[in-house]
Structure formats: structure tokens, C-alpha cells
Amino acid sequence: DYKGQKLAEQIFQGIILVSAVIGFIYGYITEQFGWTVYIVMAGFALSCLLTLPPWPMYRRNPLKWLPVQESGTEEKKAADRKPKRHCKS
């Protein structure tokens, strides 16, 4: 559903943003760029774990699909059509 997709996107972006800020600050304080990369990668892994599987919190508003049509109605419609005549020029 669309609301679940929106929620997953917001969670994903929020975790990435927070981990990037924390990683930058920690990396700046310790003067180690590697820590920044590790923290951002950990945030990415956490956000993937929370947003990629179809958790029930993302499926609360299912979409309503059209009802299934019987296959006989399509054959009947095709039989009702007039055959097209091709003119030779």
C-alpha cells in the first residue's frame, strides 16, 4: 500500500540521515574517517533490515483491486465483433 511505502521511505531516510550525522561528528572528534564510514554503513544495514522485508506495519492499508472477470465474457465479446474487411488497392 502507498502509506506503507511512504512510512518505509521515511524510516529509511531518517536512519540514514541520523547515522550520517552521528558518524560525521564521531569521525571528526576521533579524527578517523573510517569510523564515519562504519557508522554510516551500520545505519544503512539497520535501515535495510527495517524497511526491506514486508513487515505488518507496512501492510495496514491494502489496495482494493478490481474483481476478477470470467474468461467466458472475453470470448463472447470477441465473437460479437464484426470482422474487418481489407480492401485491395
Protein backbone atom coordinates (compact mmCIF):
# COMPACT_ATOMS: atom_id res chain seq x y z
CA ASP A 1 0.00 0.00 0.00
CA TYR A 2 1.06 3.57 -0.57
CA LYS A 3 1.00 4.64 3.08
CA GLY A 4 3.28 1.74 3.98
CA GLN A 5 5.69 2.68 1.19
CA LYS A 6 5.76 6.26 2.45
CA LEU A 7 6.43 5.10 6.01
CA ALA A 8 9.24 2.78 4.87
CA GLU A 9 10.83 5.59 2.85
CA GLN A 10 10.67 8.00 5.80
CA ILE A 11 12.19 5.44 8.17
CA PHE A 12 14.94 4.63 5.64
CA GLN A 13 15.86 8.26 5.06
CA GLY A 14 15.68 9.12 8.76
CA ILE A 15 18.02 6.33 9.81
CA ILE A 16 20.49 7.17 7.02
CA LEU A 17 20.46 10.86 7.95
CA VAL A 18 20.89 10.26 11.68
CA SER A 19 23.68 7.73 11.16
CA ALA A 20 25.46 10.10 8.75
CA VAL A 21 25.34 12.97 11.26
CA ILE A 22 26.48 10.76 14.15
CA GLY A 23 29.19 9.20 12.01
CA PHE A 24 30.47 12.57 10.85
CA ILE A 25 30.57 14.01 14.36
CA TYR A 26 32.24 10.92 15.84
CA GLY A 27 34.71 10.71 12.96
CA TYR A 28 35.54 14.41 13.33
CA ILE A 29 36.13 14.09 17.08
CA THR A 30 38.31 11.00 16.78
CA GLU A 31 39.91 12.24 13.52
CA GLN A 32 39.23 8.85 11.94
CA PHE A 33 37.28 8.85 8.67
CA GLY A 34 36.95 5.07 8.90
CA TRP A 35 34.60 5.38 11.87
CA THR A 36 32.37 7.67 9.84
CA VAL A 37 32.13 5.07 7.09
CA TYR A 38 31.48 2.23 9.57
CA ILE A 39 28.69 4.13 11.33
CA VAL A 40 27.01 5.10 8.06
CA MET A 41 27.25 1.51 6.81
CA ALA A 42 25.75 0.23 10.08
CA GLY A 43 22.90 2.73 9.68
CA PHE A 44 22.35 1.55 6.11
CA ALA A 45 22.26 -2.10 7.23
CA LEU A 46 19.80 -1.26 10.04
CA SER A 47 17.55 0.70 7.69
CA CYS A 48 17.57 -2.17 5.16
CA LEU A 49 16.64 -4.62 7.90
CA LEU A 50 13.72 -2.44 8.99
CA THR A 51 12.36 -1.44 5.59
CA LEU A 52 13.02 -4.18 3.01
CA PRO A 53 11.04 -7.12 4.49
CA PRO A 54 7.24 -6.81 4.21
CA TRP A 55 6.61 -6.18 7.92
CA PRO A 56 2.95 -5.99 9.04
CA MET A 57 3.29 -2.28 9.91
CA TYR A 58 3.71 -1.56 6.18
CA ARG A 59 0.62 -3.57 5.14
CA ARG A 60 -2.11 -1.90 7.19
CA ASN A 61 -3.89 -0.23 4.25
CA PRO A 62 -4.18 -2.79 1.42
CA LEU A 63 -5.26 -1.64 -2.02
CA LYS A 64 -8.66 -2.65 -3.36
CA TRP A 65 -8.27 -4.44 -6.67
CA LEU A 66 -10.88 -4.86 -9.39
CA PRO A 67 -12.86 -8.11 -9.25
CA VAL A 68 -11.77 -10.97 -11.49
CA GLN A 69 -13.71 -11.23 -14.74
CA GLU A 70 -14.87 -14.56 -16.06
CA SER A 71 -12.98 -15.84 -19.08
CA GLY A 72 -16.23 -16.55 -20.98
CA THR A 73 -17.11 -12.86 -21.21
CA GLU A 74 -13.96 -12.10 -23.18
CA GLU A 75 -14.73 -14.84 -25.71
CA LYS A 76 -18.30 -13.59 -26.05
CA LYS A 77 -17.12 -10.03 -26.72
CA ALA A 78 -14.69 -11.25 -29.36
CA ALA A 79 -17.47 -13.19 -31.11
CA ASP A 80 -19.75 -10.13 -31.14
CA ARG A 81 -17.25 -8.04 -33.06
CA LYS A 82 -17.63 -7.70 -36.80
CA PRO A 83 -14.69 -8.99 -38.82
CA LYS A 84 -12.70 -6.26 -40.52
CA ARG A 85 -12.65 -6.23 -44.30
CA HIS A 86 -9.43 -5.36 -46.01
CA CYS A 87 -9.64 -3.54 -49.33
CA LYS A 88 -7.22 -4.34 -52.09
CA SER A 89 -5.88 -1.22 -53.72
